[in-house]
Amino acid sequence: MAVSAVTGRGVSIALACRAFQISESCYRYERKLSDENAEIAEWLVKLTNNRRTWGFGLCYLYLRNVKGSDWNITRQGIAQQCTRGT
């Protein structure tokens, strides 16, 4: 909403952030997706296509224990990417 106020109404970033009670660093934040995230998402999509009864947790355990992957389950966006099919 702050972005639309700045772009659509010409309000300054500082004023928009105060109005919506967010910090300017929050306003400017952009999530950076690494190549590793895309690779993990690709693996999870492949696994769920091949093993339809497996959920995210079982796929995670398979990748971690069988394939030796050391990524953290709490990584942001990976599960959402897989459920959307992107």
PDB file of N, CA and C in Angstrom:
ATOM      1  N   MET A   1       0.825  -1.183   0.000  1.00  0.00           N
ATOM      2  CA  MET A   1       0.000   0.000   0.000  1.00  0.00           C
ATOM      3  C   MET A   1       0.869   1.246   0.000  1.00  0.00           C
ATOM      4  N   ALA A   2       2.004   1.175   0.712  1.00  0.00           N
ATOM      5  CA  ALA A   2       2.900   2.327   0.731  1.00  0.00           C
ATOM      6  C   ALA A   2       3.487   2.561  -0.650  1.00  0.00           C
ATOM      7  N   VAL A   3       3.795   1.493  -1.363  1.00  0.00           N
ATOM      8  CA  VAL A   3       4.350   1.635  -2.707  1.00  0.00           C
ATOM      9  C   VAL A   3       3.345   2.310  -3.630  1.00  0.00           C
ATOM     10  N   SER A   4       2.095   1.904  -3.551  1.00  0.00           N
ATOM     11  CA  SER A   4       1.082   2.524  -4.414  1.00  0.00           C
ATOM     12  C   SER A   4       0.866   3.987  -4.046  1.00  0.00           C
ATOM     13  N   ALA A   5       1.016   4.337  -2.777  1.00  0.00           N
ATOM     14  CA  ALA A   5       0.891   5.744  -2.373  1.00  0.00           C
ATOM     15  C   ALA A   5       2.030   6.570  -2.949  1.00  0.00           C
ATOM     16  N   VAL A   6       3.234   5.997  -2.956  1.00  0.00           N
ATOM     17  CA  VAL A   6       4.397   6.717  -3.482  1.00  0.00           C
ATOM     18  C   VAL A   6       4.312   6.844  -4.995  1.00  0.00           C
ATOM     19  N   THR A   7       3.999   5.738  -5.684  1.00  0.00           N
ATOM     20  CA  THR A   7       3.984   5.778  -7.143  1.00  0.00           C
ATOM     21  C   THR A   7       2.728   6.443  -7.704  1.00  0.00           C
ATOM     22  N   GLY A   8       1.605   6.175  -7.101  1.00  0.00           N
ATOM     23  CA  GLY A   8       0.348   6.675  -7.650  1.00  0.00           C
ATOM     24  C   GLY A   8      -0.007   8.093  -7.244  1.00  0.00           C
ATOM     25  N   ARG A   9       0.367   8.469  -6.040  1.00  0.00           N
ATOM     26  CA  ARG A   9      -0.050   9.774  -5.531  1.00  0.00           C
ATOM     27  C   ARG A   9       1.100  10.760  -5.378  1.00  0.00           C
ATOM     28  N   GLY A  10       2.327  10.299  -5.619  1.00  0.00           N
ATOM     29  CA  GLY A  10       3.466  11.190  -5.527  1.00  0.00           C
ATOM     30  C   GLY A  10       3.862  11.556  -4.109  1.00  0.00           C
ATOM     31  N   VAL A  11       3.466  10.754  -3.144  1.00  0.00           N
ATOM     32  CA  VAL A  11       3.797  10.980  -1.741  1.00  0.00           C
ATOM     33  C   VAL A  11       5.253  10.572  -1.529  1.00  0.00           C
ATOM     34  N   SER A  12       5.962  11.239  -0.652  1.00  0.00           N
ATOM     35  CA  SER A  12       7.345  10.864  -0.373  1.00  0.00           C
ATOM     36  C   SER A  12       7.376   9.513   0.352  1.00  0.00           C
ATOM     37  N   ILE A  13       8.499   8.831   0.220  1.00  0.00           N
ATOM     38  CA  ILE A  13       8.664   7.526   0.862  1.00  0.00           C
ATOM     39  C   ILE A  13       8.546   7.664   2.376  1.00  0.00           C
ATOM     40  N   ALA A  14       9.183   8.694   2.923  1.00  0.00           N
ATOM     41  CA  ALA A  14       9.155   8.896   4.376  1.00  0.00           C
ATOM     42  C   ALA A  14       7.725   9.101   4.873  1.00  0.00           C
ATOM     43  N   LEU A  15       6.949   9.917   4.168  1.00  0.00           N
ATOM     44  CA  LEU A  15       5.571  10.184   4.575  1.00  0.00           C
ATOM     45  C   LEU A  15       4.706   8.919   4.454  1.00  0.00           C
ATOM     46  N   ALA A  16       4.878   8.182   3.364  1.00  0.00           N
ATOM     47  CA  ALA A  16       4.110   6.949   3.174  1.00  0.00           C
ATOM     48  C   ALA A  16       4.445   5.931   4.262  1.00  0.00           C
ATOM     49  N   CYS A  17       5.713   5.827   4.613  1.00  0.00           N
ATOM     50  CA  CYS A  17       6.118   4.875   5.654  1.00  0.00           C
ATOM     51  C   CYS A  17       5.543   5.264   7.014  1.00  0.00           C
ATOM     52  N   ARG A  18       5.539   6.546   7.308  1.00  0.00           N
ATOM     53  CA  ARG A  18       4.934   6.983   8.571  1.00  0.00           C
ATOM     54  C   ARG A  18       3.435   6.727   8.570  1.00  0.00           C
ATOM     55  N   ALA A  19       2.786   6.988   7.452  1.00  0.00           N
ATOM     56  CA  ALA A  19       1.333   6.811   7.362  1.00  0.00           C
ATOM     57  C   ALA A  19       0.932   5.341   7.543  1.00  0.00           C
ATOM     58  N   PHE A  20       1.739   4.431   6.981  1.00  0.00           N
ATOM     59  CA  PHE A  20       1.414   3.001   7.075  1.00  0.00           C
ATOM     60  C   PHE A  20       2.164   2.303   8.210  1.00  0.00           C
ATOM     61  N   GLN A  21       2.890   3.074   8.995  1.00  0.00           N
ATOM     62  CA  GLN A  21       3.616   2.592  10.162  1.00  0.00           C
ATOM     63  C   GLN A  21       4.574   1.451   9.839  1.00  0.00           C
ATOM     64  N   ILE A  22       5.389   1.669   8.813  1.00  0.00           N
ATOM     65  CA  ILE A  22       6.443   0.721   8.467  1.00  0.00           C
ATOM     66  C   ILE A  22       7.759   1.483   8.393  1.00  0.00           C
ATOM     67  N   SER A  23       8.854   0.772   8.521  1.00  0.00           N
ATOM     68  CA  SER A  23      10.160   1.419   8.412  1.00  0.00           C
ATOM     69  C   SER A  23      10.513   1.603   6.938  1.00  0.00           C
ATOM     70  N   GLU A  24      11.417   2.540   6.682  1.00  0.00           N
ATOM     71  CA  GLU A  24      11.856   2.742   5.301  1.00  0.00           C
ATOM     72  C   GLU A  24      12.644   1.549   4.791  1.00  0.00           C
ATOM     73  N   SER A  25      13.357   0.863   5.675  1.00  0.00           N
ATOM     74  CA  SER A  25      14.081  -0.333   5.235  1.00  0.00           C
ATOM     75  C   SER A  25      13.098  -1.438   4.840  1.00  0.00           C
ATOM     76  N   CYS A  26      11.972  -1.518   5.533  1.00  0.00           N
ATOM     77  CA  CYS A  26      10.929  -2.474   5.162  1.00  0.00           C
ATOM     78  C   CYS A  26      10.338  -2.107   3.793  1.00  0.00           C
ATOM     79  N   TYR A  27      10.168  -0.820   3.554  1.00  0.00           N
ATOM     80  CA  TYR A  27       9.638  -0.345   2.276  1.00  0.00           C
ATOM     81  C   TYR A  27      10.568  -0.739   1.131  1.00  0.00           C
ATOM     82  N   ARG A  28      11.866  -0.625   1.348  1.00  0.00           N
ATOM     83  CA  ARG A  28      12.852  -0.864   0.282  1.00  0.00           C
ATOM     84  C   ARG A  28      13.283  -2.324   0.167  1.00  0.00           C
ATOM     85  N   TYR A  29      12.847  -3.173   1.079  1.00  0.00           N
ATOM     86  CA  TYR A  29      13.281  -4.570   1.096  1.00  0.00           C
ATOM     87  C   TYR A  29      12.837  -5.306  -0.160  1.00  0.00           C
ATOM     88  N   GLU A  30      13.751  -6.061  -0.754  1.00  0.00           N
ATOM     89  CA  GLU A  30      13.452  -6.936  -1.880  1.00  0.00           C
ATOM     90  C   GLU A  30      14.056  -8.298  -1.593  1.00  0.00           C
ATOM     91  N   ARG A  31      13.238  -9.319  -1.658  1.00  0.00           N
ATOM     92  CA  ARG A  31      13.726 -10.670  -1.407  1.00  0.00           C
ATOM     93  C   ARG A  31      14.590 -11.116  -2.578  1.00  0.00           C
ATOM     94  N   LYS A  32      15.725 -11.706  -2.259  1.00  0.00           N
ATOM     95  CA  LYS A  32      16.637 -12.186  -3.283  1.00  0.00           C
ATOM     96  C   LYS A  32      16.566 -13.703  -3.328  1.00  0.00           C
ATOM     97  N   LEU A  33      16.135 -14.228  -4.445  1.00  0.00           N
ATOM     98  CA  LEU A  33      16.077 -15.676  -4.610  1.00  0.00           C
ATOM     99  C   LEU A  33      17.388 -16.148  -5.212  1.00  0.00           C
ATOM    100  N   SER A  34      18.008 -17.092  -4.578  1.00  0.00           N
ATOM    101  CA  SER A  34      19.275 -17.599  -5.076  1.00  0.00           C
ATOM    102  C   SER A  34      19.025 -18.739  -6.065  1.00  0.00           C
ATOM    103  N   ASP A  35      20.080 -19.090  -6.773  1.00  0.00           N
ATOM    104  CA  ASP A  35      19.985 -20.221  -7.695  1.00  0.00           C
ATOM    105  C   ASP A  35      19.734 -21.515  -6.928  1.00  0.00           C
ATOM    106  N   GLU A  36      20.246 -21.564  -5.693  1.00  0.00           N
ATOM    107  CA  GLU A  36      20.035 -22.747  -4.868  1.00  0.00           C
ATOM    108  C   GLU A  36      18.550 -22.946  -4.557  1.00  0.00           C
ATOM    109  N   ASN A  37      17.829 -21.853  -4.308  1.00  0.00           N
ATOM    110  CA  ASN A  37      16.389 -21.960  -4.054  1.00  0.00           C
ATOM    111  C   ASN A  37      15.669 -22.544  -5.264  1.00  0.00           C
ATOM    112  N   ALA A  38      16.044 -22.087  -6.460  1.00  0.00           N
ATOM    113  CA  ALA A  38      15.417 -22.601  -7.676  1.00  0.00           C
ATOM    114  C   ALA A  38      15.722 -24.088  -7.856  1.00  0.00           C
ATOM    115  N   GLU A  39      16.947 -24.482  -7.533  1.00  0.00           N
ATOM    116  CA  GLU A  39      17.328 -25.888  -7.645  1.00  0.00           C
ATOM    117  C   GLU A  39      16.538 -26.753  -6.663  1.00  0.00           C
ATOM    118  N   ILE A  40      16.390 -26.283  -5.441  1.00  0.00           N
ATOM    119  CA  ILE A  40      15.628 -27.022  -4.430  1.00  0.00           C
ATOM    120  C   ILE A  40      14.170 -27.134  -4.850  1.00  0.00           C
ATOM    121  N   ALA A  41      13.612 -26.036  -5.337  1.00  0.00           N
ATOM    122  CA  ALA A  41      12.219 -26.055  -5.791  1.00  0.00           C
ATOM    123  C   ALA A  41      12.036 -27.036  -6.941  1.00  0.00           C
ATOM    124  N   GLU A  42      13.000 -27.064  -7.843  1.00  0.00           N
ATOM    125  CA  GLU A  42      12.935 -27.999  -8.973  1.00  0.00           C
ATOM    126  C   GLU A  42      12.954 -29.450  -8.480  1.00  0.00           C
ATOM    127  N   TRP A  43      13.831 -29.750  -7.514  1.00  0.00           N
ATOM    128  CA  TRP A  43      13.882 -31.087  -6.943  1.00  0.00           C
ATOM    129  C   TRP A  43      12.564 -31.464  -6.292  1.00  0.00           C
ATOM    130  N   LEU A  44      11.991 -30.536  -5.537  1.00  0.00           N
ATOM    131  CA  LEU A  44      10.732 -30.827  -4.848  1.00  0.00           C
ATOM    132  C   LEU A  44       9.593 -31.062  -5.834  1.00  0.00           C
ATOM    133  N   VAL A  45       9.559 -30.309  -6.904  1.00  0.00           N
ATOM    134  CA  VAL A  45       8.522 -30.505  -7.920  1.00  0.00           C
ATOM    135  C   VAL A  45       8.693 -31.870  -8.584  1.00  0.00           C
ATOM    136  N   LYS A  46       9.944 -32.227  -8.917  1.00  0.00           N
ATOM    137  CA  LYS A  46      10.201 -33.545  -9.510  1.00  0.00           C
ATOM    138  C   LYS A  46       9.756 -34.668  -8.580  1.00  0.00           C
ATOM    139  N   LEU A  47      10.104 -34.548  -7.310  1.00  0.00           N
ATOM    140  CA  LEU A  47       9.727 -35.584  -6.348  1.00  0.00           C
ATOM    141  C   LEU A  47       8.217 -35.712  -6.205  1.00  0.00           C
ATOM    142  N   THR A  48       7.520 -34.586  -6.115  1.00  0.00           N
ATOM    143  CA  THR A  48       6.068 -34.670  -5.935  1.00  0.00           C
ATOM    144  C   THR A  48       5.369 -35.148  -7.202  1.00  0.00           C
ATOM    145  N   ASN A  49       5.974 -34.918  -8.357  1.00  0.00           N
ATOM    146  CA  ASN A  49       5.403 -35.470  -9.590  1.00  0.00           C
ATOM    147  C   ASN A  49       5.591 -36.977  -9.654  1.00  0.00           C
ATOM    148  N   ASN A  50       6.737 -37.465  -9.184  1.00  0.00           N
ATOM    149  CA  ASN A  50       7.027 -38.905  -9.225  1.00  0.00           C
ATOM    150  C   ASN A  50       6.381 -39.674  -8.080  1.00  0.00           C
ATOM    151  N   ARG A  51       6.253 -39.031  -6.942  1.00  0.00           N
ATOM    152  CA  ARG A  51       5.694 -39.682  -5.758  1.00  0.00           C
ATOM    153  C   ARG A  51       4.524 -38.843  -5.252  1.00  0.00           C
ATOM    154  N   ARG A  52       3.388 -39.071  -5.813  1.00  0.00           N
ATOM    155  CA  ARG A  52       2.204 -38.239  -5.565  1.00  0.00           C
ATOM    156  C   ARG A  52       1.733 -38.248  -4.115  1.00  0.00           C
ATOM    157  N   THR A  53       2.045 -39.289  -3.365  1.00  0.00           N
ATOM    158  CA  THR A  53       1.577 -39.363  -1.976  1.00  0.00           C
ATOM    159  C   THR A  53       2.523 -38.667  -0.999  1.00  0.00           C
ATOM    160  N   TRP A  54       3.677 -38.212  -1.467  1.00  0.00           N
ATOM    161  CA  TRP A  54       4.640 -37.548  -0.598  1.00  0.00           C
ATOM    162  C   TRP A  54       4.277 -36.084  -0.425  1.00  0.00           C
ATOM    163  N   GLY A  55       4.321 -35.616   0.786  1.00  0.00           N
ATOM    164  CA  GLY A  55       4.143 -34.200   1.074  1.00  0.00           C
ATOM    165  C   GLY A  55       5.496 -33.504   1.155  1.00  0.00           C
ATOM    166  N   PHE A  56       5.459 -32.239   1.522  1.00  0.00           N
ATOM    167  CA  PHE A  56       6.684 -31.462   1.610  1.00  0.00           C
ATOM    168  C   PHE A  56       7.662 -32.062   2.617  1.00  0.00           C
ATOM    169  N   GLY A  57       7.147 -32.487   3.775  1.00  0.00           N
ATOM    170  CA  GLY A  57       8.019 -33.013   4.821  1.00  0.00           C
ATOM    171  C   GLY A  57       8.784 -34.250   4.390  1.00  0.00           C
ATOM    172  N   LEU A  58       8.117 -35.183   3.723  1.00  0.00           N
ATOM    173  CA  LEU A  58       8.783 -36.402   3.275  1.00  0.00           C
ATOM    174  C   LEU A  58       9.790 -36.099   2.166  1.00  0.00           C
ATOM    175  N   CYS A  59       9.436 -35.179   1.278  1.00  0.00           N
ATOM    176  CA  CYS A  59      10.375 -34.771   0.227  1.00  0.00           C
ATOM    177  C   CYS A  59      11.612 -34.134   0.841  1.00  0.00           C
ATOM    178  N   TYR A  60      11.404 -33.286   1.843  1.00  0.00           N
ATOM    179  CA  TYR A  60      12.522 -32.639   2.532  1.00  0.00           C
ATOM    180  C   TYR A  60      13.440 -33.687   3.163  1.00  0.00           C
ATOM    181  N   LEU A  61      12.840 -34.648   3.863  1.00  0.00           N
ATOM    182  CA  LEU A  61      13.641 -35.690   4.494  1.00  0.00           C
ATOM    183  C   LEU A  61      14.396 -36.520   3.464  1.00  0.00           C
ATOM    184  N   TYR A  62      13.770 -36.828   2.345  1.00  0.00           N
ATOM    185  CA  TYR A  62      14.434 -37.586   1.274  1.00  0.00           C
ATOM    186  C   TYR A  62      15.649 -36.817   0.757  1.00  0.00           C
ATOM    187  N   LEU A  63      15.455 -35.542   0.450  1.00  0.00           N
ATOM    188  CA  LEU A  63      16.568 -34.744  -0.076  1.00  0.00           C
ATOM    189  C   LEU A  63      17.678 -34.604   0.955  1.00  0.00           C
ATOM    190  N   ARG A  64      17.314 -34.473   2.194  1.00  0.00           N
ATOM    191  CA  ARG A  64      18.314 -34.271   3.236  1.00  0.00           C
ATOM    192  C   ARG A  64      19.059 -35.557   3.566  1.00  0.00           C
ATOM    193  N   ASN A  65      18.327 -36.661   3.720  1.00  0.00           N
ATOM    194  CA  ASN A  65      18.949 -37.904   4.173  1.00  0.00           C
ATOM    195  C   ASN A  65      19.505 -38.761   3.039  1.00  0.00           C
ATOM    196  N   VAL A  66      18.820 -38.813   1.902  1.00  0.00           N
ATOM    197  CA  VAL A  66      19.263 -39.674   0.810  1.00  0.00           C
ATOM    198  C   VAL A  66      20.211 -38.935  -0.127  1.00  0.00           C
ATOM    199  N   LYS A  67      19.841 -37.719  -0.490  1.00  0.00           N
ATOM    200  CA  LYS A  67      20.658 -36.943  -1.433  1.00  0.00           C
ATOM    201  C   LYS A  67      21.753 -36.135  -0.748  1.00  0.00           C
ATOM    202  N   GLY A  68      21.711 -36.026   0.575  1.00  0.00           N
ATOM    203  CA  GLY A  68      22.759 -35.311   1.300  1.00  0.00           C
ATOM    204  C   GLY A  68      22.666 -33.805   1.224  1.00  0.00           C
ATOM    205  N   SER A  69      21.502 -33.288   0.923  1.00  0.00           N
ATOM    206  CA  SER A  69      21.316 -31.836   0.863  1.00  0.00           C
ATOM    207  C   SER A  69      21.371 -31.262   2.273  1.00  0.00           C
ATOM    208  N   ASP A  70      21.978 -30.086   2.426  1.00  0.00           N
ATOM    209  CA  ASP A  70      22.111 -29.500   3.757  1.00  0.00           C
ATOM    210  C   ASP A  70      21.313 -28.208   3.915  1.00  0.00           C
ATOM    211  N   TRP A  71      20.294 -28.006   3.099  1.00  0.00           N
ATOM    212  CA  TRP A  71      19.509 -26.777   3.202  1.00  0.00           C
ATOM    213  C   TRP A  71      18.532 -26.849   4.361  1.00  0.00           C
ATOM    214  N   ASN A  72      18.154 -25.697   4.822  1.00  0.00           N
ATOM    215  CA  ASN A  72      17.324 -25.550   6.007  1.00  0.00           C
ATOM    216  C   ASN A  72      15.841 -25.564   5.611  1.00  0.00           C
ATOM    217  N   ILE A  73      15.021 -26.276   6.357  1.00  0.00           N
ATOM    218  CA  ILE A  73      13.588 -26.381   6.054  1.00  0.00           C
ATOM    219  C   ILE A  73      12.872 -25.035   6.200  1.00  0.00           C
ATOM    220  N   THR A  74      13.445 -24.129   6.965  1.00  0.00           N
ATOM    221  CA  THR A  74      12.788 -22.845   7.205  1.00  0.00           C
ATOM    222  C   THR A  74      13.084 -21.807   6.130  1.00  0.00           C
ATOM    223  N   ARG A  75      13.735 -22.199   5.057  1.00  0.00           N
ATOM    224  CA  ARG A  75      14.016 -21.265   3.982  1.00  0.00           C
ATOM    225  C   ARG A  75      12.731 -20.665   3.455  1.00  0.00           C
ATOM    226  N   GLN A  76      12.724 -19.378   3.284  1.00  0.00           N
ATOM    227  CA  GLN A  76      11.506 -18.681   2.857  1.00  0.00           C
ATOM    228  C   GLN A  76      11.240 -18.903   1.375  1.00  0.00           C
ATOM    229  N   GLY A  77       9.997 -19.179   1.046  1.00  0.00           N
ATOM    230  CA  GLY A  77       9.568 -19.194  -0.345  1.00  0.00           C
ATOM    231  C   GLY A  77       9.680 -20.508  -1.069  1.00  0.00           C
ATOM    232  N   ILE A  78      10.447 -21.451  -0.551  1.00  0.00           N
ATOM    233  CA  ILE A  78      10.643 -22.682  -1.305  1.00  0.00           C
ATOM    234  C   ILE A  78       9.367 -23.504  -1.360  1.00  0.00           C
ATOM    235  N   ALA A  79       8.729 -23.705  -0.238  1.00  0.00           N
ATOM    236  CA  ALA A  79       7.494 -24.481  -0.224  1.00  0.00           C
ATOM    237  C   ALA A  79       6.417 -23.777  -1.033  1.00  0.00           C
ATOM    238  N   GLN A  80       6.360 -22.451  -0.945  1.00  0.00           N
ATOM    239  CA  GLN A  80       5.349 -21.713  -1.703  1.00  0.00           C
ATOM    240  C   GLN A  80       5.604 -21.827  -3.200  1.00  0.00           C
ATOM    241  N   GLN A  81       6.879 -21.782  -3.627  1.00  0.00           N
ATOM    242  CA  GLN A  81       7.206 -21.926  -5.030  1.00  0.00           C
ATOM    243  C   GLN A  81       6.747 -23.289  -5.548  1.00  0.00           C
ATOM    244  N   CYS A  82       6.965 -24.306  -4.748  1.00  0.00           N
ATOM    245  CA  CYS A  82       6.615 -25.645  -5.179  1.00  0.00           C
ATOM    246  C   CYS A  82       5.117 -25.856  -5.259  1.00  0.00           C
ATOM    247  N   THR A  83       4.388 -25.309  -4.313  1.00  0.00           N
ATOM    248  CA  THR A  83       2.946 -25.501  -4.340  1.00  0.00           C
ATOM    249  C   THR A  83       2.296 -24.707  -5.466  1.00  0.00           C
ATOM    250  N   ARG A  84       2.943 -23.640  -5.907  1.00  0.00           N
ATOM    251  CA  ARG A  84       2.423 -22.866  -7.034  1.00  0.00           C
ATOM    252  C   ARG A  84       2.873 -23.442  -8.375  1.00  0.00           C
ATOM    253  N   GLY A  85       3.890 -24.319  -8.341  1.00  0.00           N
ATOM    254  CA  GLY A  85       4.366 -24.918  -9.575  1.00  0.00           C
ATOM    255  C   GLY A  85       5.296 -24.032 -10.358  1.00  0.00           C
ATOM    256  N   THR A  86       5.963 -23.067  -9.698  1.00  0.00           N
ATOM    257  CA  THR A  86       6.895 -22.203 -10.419  1.00  0.00           C
ATOM    258  C   THR A  86       8.306 -22.636 -10.188  1.00  0.00           C
TER     259      THR A  86
END
